[in-house]
Amino acid sequence: MQYLDEALESYAKTDMYPFHMPGHKRGKLPFPNLYDIDITEIDGFDNLHHAEGILKEAQERAARLYGSLACYYLVNGSTCGILAAVCAVAKRGSKVLAARNSHKAVYHALFLGGLRARYLYPRITASGIQGQITAQQVEAAFAEDPEIAAVVITSPTYEGIVSDIAQIAETAHRHGAPLIVDEAHGAHFGFGFGFPENAVRLGADAVIMSLHKTLPSPTQTALLHICSERISKEQIERYLGIFQTSSPSYVLMAGMDACIRFVERAGGSRFLTYRKLLDDFYQSCRTLRSLHVMARGDLTKEEAFDWDDSKLVIFSEKNRMSGKKLQEILRSRYHLELEMASGDYTLGMTSLMDTWEGFQRLADALHEIDVQSPKAFASENTCMNLPLIKEKSGFIEQIYQKNPMKMQIYEALQLPWREVPLEEAVGEVSADYVYLYPPGIPILAPGEVITGELPGRLKECARLGLSVEGGSGLASGRIKIV
């Protein structure tokens, strides 16, 4: 028998290097013993749901740092901020324009709020990842349906693709709709050093950031910024009272306050060092031949308004190695743990807490793998049984295809359903989500028609060793339909 606390303690003593969240990278920031500071709402320590003292001041510090009108601590992650923001801006039955590459939390908000979705599909880049949402797409959607009550987009994406928030905000506002930006992966934006500006300062009305993804803060910590009068603070607070725990962790809140203070006091020097480490890493990877680390020059302005190069997107299609296979080799042979893998690439997440030693280990590993055939790793205890892939496989374009929408999410999830084998479900309306995790973007959402291509798409995911999640029957090849 193994206990979680003991397993974590043992893992922490290994030389495994984390190119994944949380952004503190297991660094030793000055912080009290967690048991010493784990309290409840006792005298002198305020109440997050009715903040009037020390927690009110802490949230005001975060608002000043990012430039928002008001900021709310989230101890249930960005998920609860997304749920609260979407439900707060649109009345039940309203129409919401949402990017189809949104995190599953947006879909859950549409369901809980009884909202009617219209989707925006991002362009697929030449590299094979999901690109930006444009203001032109938003304008076209309003031209087709002027009753849209709110716009929700994700920027940056998991791979760091940034949309033109200023233009999208201007377009939405011209049509009387607020803009919500899921900026969960962009808490390090807005401080210069070659990183994009944050959505707060670019005209968005509500912005959700995960501190823990890219800054030194504990997992599950996030911020919800209110940036204009278009969104009611009273409504936001009402929904936060619903979606956020009534027993917020003082350990997590202390971690958030320490993170904000760290960025205020030491951010300049740490970001400067971070920028040099990133630049040196990209320079060292320019000579790779069978592997390719995505660079800014790989993206056109039509594909991405901007890009966050803190995301290390490492393509392996030239040597026909799947992203999952590359991820496993980096883990087993080099003790480098990356964030996620997709069809023909793997993704490493970095932060201002990363070290020269970590970047150097990854660069050395990539150069060593680069000159070898995948067969050279056949003896490794990894997923070497995974098949080779076709060069330029277009995996993302194949997997995230547009599905016809027959009904809304809340309609599909409230109807009687039955579970059938996936092959027998073609042409039926789904009552299940199907998504790769990470990143948690639905391949199929409730209310969408199951097309004849879906079984093949899911088999391709399984063939490449990727984790497909959804309804309880999906593991055995079954799906719920209405």
Protein backbone atom coordinates (compact mmCIF):
# COMPACT_ATOMS: atom_id res chain seq x y z
CA MET A 1 0.00 0.00 0.00
CA GLN A 2 1.21 3.50 -0.85
CA TYR A 3 0.04 6.69 0.81
CA LEU A 4 -0.28 9.91 -1.19
CA ASP A 5 1.62 12.12 1.24
CA GLU A 6 4.51 9.67 1.42
CA ALA A 7 4.56 9.19 -2.36
CA LEU A 8 4.69 12.94 -2.91
CA GLU A 9 7.47 13.36 -0.38
CA SER A 10 9.50 10.63 -2.07
CA TYR A 11 8.89 12.12 -5.51
CA ALA A 12 10.04 15.53 -4.32
CA LYS A 13 13.42 14.03 -3.41
CA THR A 14 14.06 12.74 -6.95
CA ASP A 15 15.85 14.69 -9.69
CA MET A 16 12.70 14.88 -11.83
CA TYR A 17 12.52 18.43 -13.24
CA PRO A 18 9.04 20.00 -13.67
CA PHE A 19 8.29 21.58 -17.03
CA HIS A 20 4.67 21.70 -15.94
CA MET A 21 2.44 23.70 -13.61
CA PRO A 22 2.39 24.90 -10.84
CA GLY A 23 4.61 27.84 -11.60
CA HIS A 24 6.49 27.78 -8.30
CA LYS A 25 8.31 24.70 -9.71
CA ARG A 26 8.59 23.31 -6.20
CA GLY A 27 10.87 26.23 -5.39
CA LYS A 28 11.62 27.11 -1.80
CA LEU A 29 9.95 30.49 -1.39
CA PRO A 30 9.83 31.90 2.17
CA PHE A 31 6.60 30.44 3.51
CA PRO A 32 5.40 29.17 6.93
CA ASN A 33 4.62 25.55 7.71
CA LEU A 34 1.21 24.95 6.14
CA TYR A 35 -0.20 23.37 9.31
CA ASP A 36 0.75 26.45 11.33
CA ILE A 37 -1.33 28.75 9.13
CA ASP A 38 -4.29 26.50 8.27
CA ILE A 39 -7.11 28.31 10.07
CA THR A 40 -10.76 29.20 9.59
CA GLU A 41 -12.48 32.62 9.67
CA ILE A 42 -11.33 33.61 13.15
CA ASP A 43 -11.20 37.14 14.52
CA GLY A 44 -8.72 39.35 12.70
CA PHE A 45 -8.46 37.25 9.55
CA ASP A 46 -11.56 38.40 7.65
CA ASN A 47 -14.03 36.36 5.56
CA LEU A 48 -13.42 35.91 1.83
CA HIS A 49 -17.14 36.04 1.03
CA HIS A 50 -17.58 39.31 2.95
CA ALA A 51 -14.07 40.73 2.85
CA GLU A 52 -13.67 43.92 4.89
CA GLY A 53 -10.18 43.67 6.34
CA ILE A 54 -6.97 41.81 5.55
CA LEU A 55 -8.46 39.83 2.65
CA LYS A 56 -10.04 42.95 1.17
CA GLU A 57 -6.62 44.62 1.23
CA ALA A 58 -4.99 41.55 -0.34
CA GLN A 59 -7.47 41.52 -3.23
CA GLU A 60 -7.01 45.27 -3.73
CA ARG A 61 -3.25 44.71 -4.03
CA ALA A 62 -3.88 42.17 -6.78
CA ALA A 63 -6.23 44.60 -8.55
CA ARG A 64 -3.61 47.33 -8.47
CA LEU A 65 -0.91 45.00 -9.78
CA TYR A 66 -2.95 44.03 -12.85
CA GLY A 67 -4.93 47.25 -13.31
CA SER A 68 -8.49 46.03 -12.68
CA LEU A 69 -11.38 47.80 -10.97
CA ALA A 70 -11.87 44.89 -8.58
CA CYS A 71 -10.25 41.53 -8.03
CA TYR A 72 -11.54 38.39 -6.33
CA TYR A 73 -9.43 35.60 -4.89
CA LEU A 74 -10.41 32.19 -6.26
CA VAL A 75 -9.49 29.12 -4.23
CA ASN A 76 -11.46 26.79 -6.52
CA GLY A 77 -9.21 27.59 -9.47
CA SER A 78 -10.05 29.49 -12.66
CA THR A 79 -12.94 27.10 -13.13
CA CYS A 80 -15.08 28.77 -10.48
CA GLY A 81 -14.21 32.22 -11.85
CA ILE A 82 -15.33 31.20 -15.33
CA LEU A 83 -18.55 29.73 -13.97
CA ALA A 84 -19.30 32.89 -11.97
CA ALA A 85 -18.43 35.34 -14.76
CA VAL A 86 -20.44 33.60 -17.49
CA CYS A 87 -23.49 33.09 -15.29
CA ALA A 88 -23.29 36.71 -14.06
CA VAL A 89 -23.32 38.37 -17.49
CA ALA A 90 -26.17 36.56 -19.23
CA LYS A 91 -29.74 35.82 -18.20
CA ARG A 92 -31.12 32.30 -18.58
CA GLY A 93 -31.95 31.66 -22.23
CA SER A 94 -29.55 34.36 -23.48
CA LYS A 95 -27.16 33.75 -26.35
CA VAL A 96 -23.45 33.58 -25.64
CA LEU A 97 -20.74 33.68 -28.30
CA ALA A 98 -18.00 31.30 -27.14
CA ALA A 99 -14.76 30.12 -28.68
CA ARG A 100 -15.08 26.40 -29.45
CA ASN A 101 -11.58 25.82 -28.04
CA SER A 102 -12.75 26.94 -24.60
CA HIS A 103 -11.99 24.91 -21.49
CA LYS A 104 -14.78 22.59 -20.37
CA ALA A 105 -15.62 25.07 -17.56
CA VAL A 106 -17.17 27.39 -20.17
CA TYR A 107 -19.45 24.57 -21.38
CA HIS A 108 -20.42 23.79 -17.79
CA ALA A 109 -21.31 27.47 -17.30
CA LEU A 110 -23.49 27.40 -20.41
CA PHE A 111 -25.30 24.39 -18.98
CA LEU A 112 -25.73 25.77 -15.47
CA GLY A 113 -26.89 29.15 -16.74
CA GLY A 114 -29.32 27.68 -19.27
CA LEU A 115 -27.53 29.67 -21.98
CA ARG A 116 -27.70 29.25 -25.74
CA ALA A 117 -24.28 28.87 -27.36
CA ARG A 118 -22.94 30.12 -30.64
CA TYR A 119 -19.39 28.92 -31.36
CA LEU A 120 -16.36 30.57 -32.88
CA TYR A 121 -13.85 28.14 -34.38
CA PRO A 122 -10.16 29.07 -34.24
CA ARG A 123 -8.02 28.81 -37.31
CA ILE A 124 -5.67 25.80 -37.44
CA THR A 125 -2.11 26.98 -37.94
CA ALA A 126 0.36 25.55 -40.44
CA SER A 127 2.10 23.96 -37.46
CA GLY A 128 -1.10 22.09 -36.68
CA ILE A 129 -2.21 23.80 -33.47
CA GLN A 130 -5.32 25.87 -32.79
CA GLY A 131 -4.78 29.53 -33.62
CA GLN A 132 -6.47 32.79 -32.74
CA ILE A 133 -10.04 34.05 -32.68
CA THR A 134 -10.33 37.28 -34.68
CA ALA A 135 -12.42 40.41 -34.32
CA GLN A 136 -13.70 39.77 -37.83
CA GLN A 137 -15.16 36.46 -36.70
CA VAL A 138 -16.85 38.19 -33.77
CA GLU A 139 -18.23 40.90 -36.06
CA ALA A 140 -19.60 38.29 -38.47
CA ALA A 141 -21.31 36.45 -35.62
CA PHE A 142 -23.08 39.64 -34.48
CA ALA A 143 -24.13 40.34 -38.06
CA GLU A 144 -25.81 36.93 -38.15
CA ASP A 145 -27.25 37.17 -34.64
CA PRO A 146 -27.49 40.62 -33.00
CA GLU A 147 -29.07 39.10 -29.88
CA ILE A 148 -25.72 37.77 -28.57
CA ALA A 149 -25.50 38.88 -24.94
CA ALA A 150 -21.83 38.15 -24.16
CA VAL A 151 -18.57 36.97 -25.74
CA VAL A 152 -16.21 34.43 -24.15
CA ILE A 153 -12.79 33.59 -25.55
CA THR A 154 -9.60 31.89 -24.37
CA SER A 155 -6.38 33.88 -24.75
CA PRO A 156 -3.69 32.67 -24.43
CA THR A 157 -4.39 29.08 -25.39
CA TYR A 158 -2.56 26.12 -23.87
CA GLU A 159 0.09 26.53 -26.58
CA GLY A 160 0.39 30.28 -25.96
CA ILE A 161 -1.62 31.63 -28.91
CA VAL A 162 -2.90 35.16 -28.15
CA SER A 163 -5.87 36.84 -29.84
CA ASP A 164 -6.32 40.56 -30.46
CA ILE A 165 -8.19 41.33 -27.24
CA ALA A 166 -8.38 45.09 -27.84
CA GLN A 167 -10.12 44.69 -31.20
CA ILE A 168 -12.39 41.89 -30.01
CA ALA A 169 -13.40 43.98 -26.98
CA GLU A 170 -14.13 47.00 -29.17
CA THR A 171 -16.27 44.84 -31.46
CA ALA A 172 -18.21 43.27 -28.60
CA HIS A 173 -18.78 46.62 -26.89
CA ARG A 174 -20.02 48.22 -30.11
CA HIS A 175 -22.75 45.58 -30.11
CA GLY A 176 -23.53 46.08 -26.43
CA ALA A 177 -21.96 42.84 -25.19
CA PRO A 178 -19.31 42.37 -22.49
CA LEU A 179 -16.16 40.35 -23.18
CA ILE A 180 -14.97 37.63 -20.79
CA VAL A 181 -11.41 36.41 -21.32
CA ASP A 182 -10.19 33.12 -19.94
CA GLU A 183 -6.58 34.20 -19.40
CA ALA A 184 -5.83 31.30 -17.08
CA HIS A 185 -2.45 30.76 -18.75
CA GLY A 186 -1.52 34.45 -18.75
CA ALA A 187 -1.04 35.56 -15.14
CA HIS A 188 2.51 36.55 -16.12
CA PHE A 189 1.23 38.92 -18.85
CA GLY A 190 1.46 42.67 -18.52
CA PHE A 191 4.88 43.01 -16.91
CA GLY A 192 6.92 43.50 -20.07
CA PHE A 193 10.08 41.48 -20.83
CA GLY A 194 8.74 40.26 -24.16
CA PHE A 195 5.45 38.89 -22.84
CA PRO A 196 2.06 40.12 -24.13
CA GLU A 197 -0.06 42.74 -22.39
CA ASN A 198 -2.78 41.36 -20.12
CA ALA A 199 -6.43 41.40 -21.16
CA VAL A 200 -7.35 43.60 -18.17
CA ARG A 201 -5.57 46.55 -19.76
CA LEU A 202 -6.79 45.78 -23.28
CA GLY A 203 -10.49 46.35 -22.71
CA ALA A 204 -11.90 43.02 -21.53
CA ASP A 205 -14.72 43.29 -18.99
CA ALA A 206 -13.90 40.22 -16.91
CA VAL A 207 -10.59 38.35 -16.91
CA ILE A 208 -9.81 35.08 -15.16
CA MET A 209 -6.17 34.21 -14.39
CA SER A 210 -4.66 31.11 -12.79
CA LEU A 211 -1.81 32.31 -10.61
CA HIS A 212 -0.59 28.76 -10.15
CA LYS A 213 -0.08 28.05 -13.85
CA THR A 214 2.74 30.50 -14.53
CA LEU A 215 3.57 32.24 -11.24
CA PRO A 216 4.82 31.00 -7.83
CA SER A 217 1.47 30.23 -6.23
CA PRO A 218 -0.10 26.97 -5.00
CA THR A 219 -2.23 24.81 -7.27
CA GLN A 220 -5.89 25.86 -7.34
CA THR A 221 -5.24 29.59 -6.85
CA ALA A 222 -6.62 32.10 -9.33
CA LEU A 223 -7.97 35.64 -9.74
CA LEU A 224 -11.17 37.02 -11.21
CA HIS A 225 -10.78 40.61 -12.39
CA ILE A 226 -13.70 42.95 -13.03
CA CYS A 227 -12.54 45.61 -15.46
CA SER A 228 -15.62 47.67 -16.34
CA GLU A 229 -19.10 48.65 -15.23
CA ARG A 230 -20.60 46.36 -17.88
CA ILE A 231 -20.44 43.52 -15.37
CA SER A 232 -22.25 43.77 -12.05
CA LYS A 233 -20.06 43.19 -9.00
CA GLU A 234 -23.16 42.19 -7.08
CA GLN A 235 -23.93 39.45 -9.60
CA ILE A 236 -20.33 38.27 -9.58
CA GLU A 237 -20.33 38.06 -5.79
CA ARG A 238 -23.64 36.22 -5.81
CA TYR A 239 -22.32 33.53 -8.13
CA LEU A 240 -18.97 33.30 -6.35
CA GLY A 241 -20.99 32.54 -3.24
CA ILE A 242 -22.53 29.63 -5.15
CA PHE A 243 -19.47 28.22 -6.93
CA GLN A 244 -16.72 28.99 -4.40
CA THR A 245 -16.33 26.92 -1.24
CA SER A 246 -17.71 28.41 1.96
CA SER A 247 -14.49 27.27 3.70
CA PRO A 248 -11.73 28.96 1.65
CA SER A 249 -8.23 27.74 2.48
CA TYR A 250 -6.09 30.30 4.28
CA VAL A 251 -3.06 28.33 3.11
CA LEU A 252 -4.05 28.97 -0.52
CA MET A 253 -4.96 32.60 0.12
CA ALA A 254 -1.65 33.18 1.91
CA GLY A 255 0.11 31.65 -1.08
CA MET A 256 -1.69 34.07 -3.40
CA ASP A 257 -0.80 37.09 -1.29
CA ALA A 258 2.83 35.93 -1.10
CA CYS A 259 2.85 35.48 -4.89
CA ILE A 260 1.51 38.99 -5.54
CA ARG A 261 4.04 40.45 -3.12
CA PHE A 262 6.85 38.48 -4.76
CA VAL A 263 5.96 39.82 -8.22
CA GLU A 264 5.69 43.38 -6.85
CA ARG A 265 9.04 43.31 -5.08
CA ALA A 266 11.23 40.90 -7.04
CA GLY A 267 9.39 40.51 -10.31
CA GLY A 268 11.57 42.86 -12.31
CA SER A 269 14.84 41.06 -11.67
CA ARG A 270 13.26 37.60 -11.88
CA PHE A 271 11.53 38.39 -15.19
CA LEU A 272 14.79 39.75 -16.59
CA THR A 273 16.59 36.51 -15.73
CA TYR A 274 13.65 34.48 -17.04
CA ARG A 275 13.73 36.28 -20.37
CA LYS A 276 17.43 35.56 -20.81
CA LEU A 277 16.93 31.88 -19.98
CA LEU A 278 14.13 31.60 -22.56
CA ASP A 279 16.09 33.43 -25.24
CA ASP A 280 19.15 31.26 -24.66
CA PHE A 281 17.04 28.09 -24.79
CA TYR A 282 15.41 29.03 -28.10
CA GLN A 283 18.78 29.97 -29.53
CA SER A 284 20.24 26.60 -28.52
CA CYS A 285 17.37 24.74 -30.22
CA ARG A 286 17.72 26.44 -33.61
CA THR A 287 20.06 23.70 -34.84
CA LEU A 288 17.65 20.83 -34.12
CA ARG A 289 16.80 18.88 -37.28
CA SER A 290 14.31 16.06 -36.58
CA LEU A 291 12.77 17.83 -33.60
CA HIS A 292 11.51 21.41 -33.78
CA VAL A 293 10.80 23.86 -30.97
CA MET A 294 8.14 26.26 -32.19
CA ALA A 295 9.38 29.82 -32.57
CA ARG A 296 7.64 33.12 -33.17
CA GLY A 297 8.54 33.01 -36.85
CA ASP A 298 6.46 29.84 -37.28
CA LEU A 299 3.24 31.81 -36.82
CA THR A 300 1.72 34.28 -39.26
CA LYS A 301 -0.37 37.27 -38.16
CA GLU A 302 -3.40 35.49 -39.62
CA GLU A 303 -2.77 32.55 -37.30
CA ALA A 304 -1.88 34.42 -34.13
CA PHE A 305 -2.06 38.06 -33.09
CA ASP A 306 0.71 37.34 -30.59
CA TRP A 307 2.37 34.38 -28.93
CA ASP A 308 3.61 33.61 -25.43
CA ASP A 309 7.01 31.96 -25.80
CA SER A 310 7.01 30.76 -22.20
CA LYS A 311 5.22 27.73 -23.69
CA LEU A 312 7.71 25.25 -25.15
CA VAL A 313 5.92 23.54 -28.04
CA ILE A 314 8.20 20.74 -29.25
CA PHE A 315 7.24 19.06 -32.51
CA SER A 316 8.45 15.54 -33.29
CA GLU A 317 6.72 14.78 -36.58
CA LYS A 318 9.89 14.89 -38.69
CA ASN A 319 11.23 11.74 -37.04
CA ARG A 320 7.67 10.34 -36.99
CA MET A 321 7.64 10.17 -33.21
CA SER A 322 4.33 10.95 -31.50
CA GLY A 323 4.17 13.67 -28.89
CA LYS A 324 3.32 11.07 -26.26
CA LYS A 325 6.36 9.00 -27.18
CA LEU A 326 8.64 12.03 -26.91
CA GLN A 327 7.09 12.94 -23.57
CA GLU A 328 7.72 9.43 -22.24
CA ILE A 329 11.35 9.42 -23.42
CA LEU A 330 11.99 12.75 -21.72
CA ARG A 331 10.45 11.39 -18.52
CA SER A 332 12.07 7.97 -18.35
CA ARG A 333 15.55 8.63 -19.68
CA TYR A 334 16.12 12.30 -18.81
CA HIS A 335 13.84 12.77 -15.78
CA LEU A 336 12.12 15.76 -17.35
CA GLU A 337 8.35 15.91 -16.77
CA LEU A 338 6.50 17.95 -19.39
CA GLU A 339 2.98 19.30 -19.09
CA MET A 340 1.13 17.46 -21.86
CA ALA A 341 1.41 15.69 -25.20
CA SER A 342 -0.72 15.82 -28.32
CA GLY A 343 -0.52 14.04 -31.65
CA ASP A 344 2.83 15.24 -32.93
CA TYR A 345 4.09 17.55 -30.21
CA THR A 346 4.67 17.81 -26.50
CA LEU A 347 4.32 20.93 -24.39
CA GLY A 348 6.56 22.21 -21.62
CA MET A 349 5.39 24.97 -19.29
CA THR A 350 7.92 27.39 -17.87
CA SER A 351 7.81 30.20 -15.33
CA LEU A 352 10.04 32.83 -13.78
CA MET A 353 10.96 30.19 -11.17
CA ASP A 354 12.67 27.93 -13.71
CA THR A 355 16.43 27.53 -13.49
CA TRP A 356 19.37 27.53 -15.89
CA GLU A 357 19.99 23.89 -14.94
CA GLY A 358 16.44 22.92 -15.94
CA PHE A 359 16.57 24.64 -19.32
CA GLN A 360 20.02 23.20 -20.00
CA ARG A 361 18.91 19.66 -19.17
CA LEU A 362 16.00 19.97 -21.60
CA ALA A 363 18.12 21.46 -24.39
CA ASP A 364 20.76 18.73 -23.98
CA ALA A 365 18.08 16.02 -24.01
CA LEU A 366 16.46 17.36 -27.17
CA HIS A 367 19.80 17.51 -28.97
CA GLU A 368 20.58 13.93 -27.96
CA ILE A 369 17.17 12.66 -29.08
CA ASP A 370 17.40 14.72 -32.26
CA VAL A 371 20.24 12.66 -33.74
CA GLN A 372 18.76 9.27 -32.92
CA SER A 373 16.08 7.13 -34.47
CA PRO A 374 12.99 6.31 -32.40
CA LYS A 375 14.18 2.69 -32.51
CA ALA A 376 17.16 3.72 -30.37
CA PHE A 377 14.76 4.05 -27.44
CA ALA A 378 13.00 0.70 -27.94
CA SER A 379 14.54 -0.76 -24.78
CA GLU A 380 13.25 2.08 -22.62
CA ASN A 381 10.40 1.36 -20.24
CA THR A 382 8.19 3.80 -22.08
CA CYS A 383 5.30 3.68 -24.52
CA MET A 384 7.56 2.42 -27.29
CA ASN A 385 4.74 0.25 -28.58
CA LEU A 386 3.09 3.36 -29.92
CA PRO A 387 3.18 3.43 -33.73
CA LEU A 388 5.07 6.00 -35.76
CA ILE A 389 3.06 8.90 -37.14
CA LYS A 390 2.88 10.44 -40.55
CA GLU A 391 4.95 13.54 -41.07
CA LYS A 392 2.71 16.62 -40.83
CA SER A 393 -0.19 14.51 -39.59
CA GLY A 394 -2.59 17.44 -39.03
CA PHE A 395 -3.72 15.78 -35.82
CA ILE A 396 -5.46 18.78 -34.24
CA GLU A 397 -7.37 19.54 -37.43
CA GLN A 398 -8.51 15.92 -37.57
CA ILE A 399 -9.55 15.72 -33.92
CA TYR A 400 -11.23 19.10 -33.35
CA GLN A 401 -13.61 19.07 -36.30
CA LYS A 402 -16.84 21.02 -36.34
CA ASN A 403 -19.81 18.93 -35.22
CA PRO A 404 -23.37 19.90 -36.25
CA MET A 405 -25.31 21.32 -33.29
CA LYS A 406 -28.83 19.90 -32.92
CA MET A 407 -29.71 21.31 -29.50
CA GLN A 408 -28.23 23.28 -26.64
CA ILE A 409 -26.11 21.70 -23.90
CA TYR A 410 -28.72 22.24 -21.19
CA GLU A 411 -31.40 20.69 -23.43
CA ALA A 412 -29.37 17.59 -24.21
CA LEU A 413 -28.36 17.01 -20.60
CA GLN A 414 -31.92 17.23 -19.31
CA LEU A 415 -33.49 14.75 -21.72
CA PRO A 416 -33.75 10.98 -21.16
CA TRP A 417 -30.67 9.22 -22.53
CA ARG A 418 -29.50 5.75 -23.41
CA GLU A 419 -26.00 4.35 -23.73
CA VAL A 420 -24.98 2.62 -26.96
CA PRO A 421 -21.74 1.44 -28.63
CA LEU A 422 -19.97 4.38 -30.24
CA GLU A 423 -20.26 2.91 -33.75
CA GLU A 424 -24.06 2.68 -33.33
CA ALA A 425 -24.30 6.30 -32.20
CA VAL A 426 -23.39 7.88 -35.54
CA GLY A 427 -26.07 10.36 -36.55
CA GLU A 428 -27.47 10.58 -33.02
CA VAL A 429 -27.30 13.54 -30.63
CA SER A 430 -24.72 13.25 -27.88
CA ALA A 431 -25.60 13.48 -24.21
CA ASP A 432 -21.92 13.17 -23.28
CA TYR A 433 -18.77 15.22 -23.36
CA VAL A 434 -15.72 13.73 -25.05
CA TYR A 435 -12.40 15.51 -24.61
CA LEU A 436 -8.66 15.08 -24.41
CA TYR A 437 -7.28 15.84 -20.98
CA PRO A 438 -5.21 17.87 -20.90
CA PRO A 439 -6.17 20.37 -22.27
CA GLY A 440 -9.86 19.76 -21.45
CA ILE A 441 -11.31 21.15 -24.70
CA PRO A 442 -14.33 19.09 -25.82
CA ILE A 443 -14.00 17.12 -29.03
CA LEU A 444 -17.74 16.55 -28.71
CA ALA A 445 -20.23 18.43 -26.54
CA PRO A 446 -23.78 17.49 -25.50
CA GLY A 447 -26.28 18.57 -28.11
CA GLU A 448 -23.90 17.97 -31.01
CA VAL A 449 -24.45 15.29 -33.65
CA ILE A 450 -22.06 12.33 -33.54
CA THR A 451 -20.55 12.22 -37.00
CA GLY A 452 -19.24 9.18 -38.84
CA GLU A 453 -15.69 10.46 -38.35
CA LEU A 454 -15.82 10.52 -34.55
CA PRO A 455 -15.10 6.81 -33.86
CA GLY A 456 -12.02 7.03 -36.10
CA ARG A 457 -10.90 10.26 -34.40
CA LEU A 458 -11.09 8.64 -30.98
CA LYS A 459 -9.27 5.52 -32.20
CA GLU A 460 -6.48 7.77 -33.45
CA CYS A 461 -6.22 9.36 -30.00
CA ALA A 462 -6.00 5.92 -28.40
CA ARG A 463 -3.44 4.79 -30.99
CA LEU A 464 -1.22 7.69 -30.01
CA GLY A 465 -1.56 6.95 -26.29
CA LEU A 466 -3.56 10.08 -25.45
CA SER A 467 -6.04 10.29 -22.60
CA VAL A 468 -9.63 10.53 -23.84
CA GLU A 469 -12.18 11.30 -21.16
CA GLY A 470 -15.92 11.82 -21.04
CA GLY A 471 -18.90 9.80 -19.90
CA SER A 472 -18.62 6.72 -17.70
CA GLY A 473 -19.06 4.33 -20.63
CA LEU A 474 -16.46 5.87 -22.93
CA ALA A 475 -13.61 3.66 -21.70
CA SER A 476 -15.52 0.63 -22.97
CA GLY A 477 -16.47 2.26 -26.28
CA ARG A 478 -19.97 3.38 -25.32
CA ILE A 479 -21.57 6.82 -25.33
CA LYS A 480 -24.79 8.43 -24.11
CA ILE A 481 -27.25 9.69 -26.71
CA VAL A 482 -30.66 11.39 -26.48
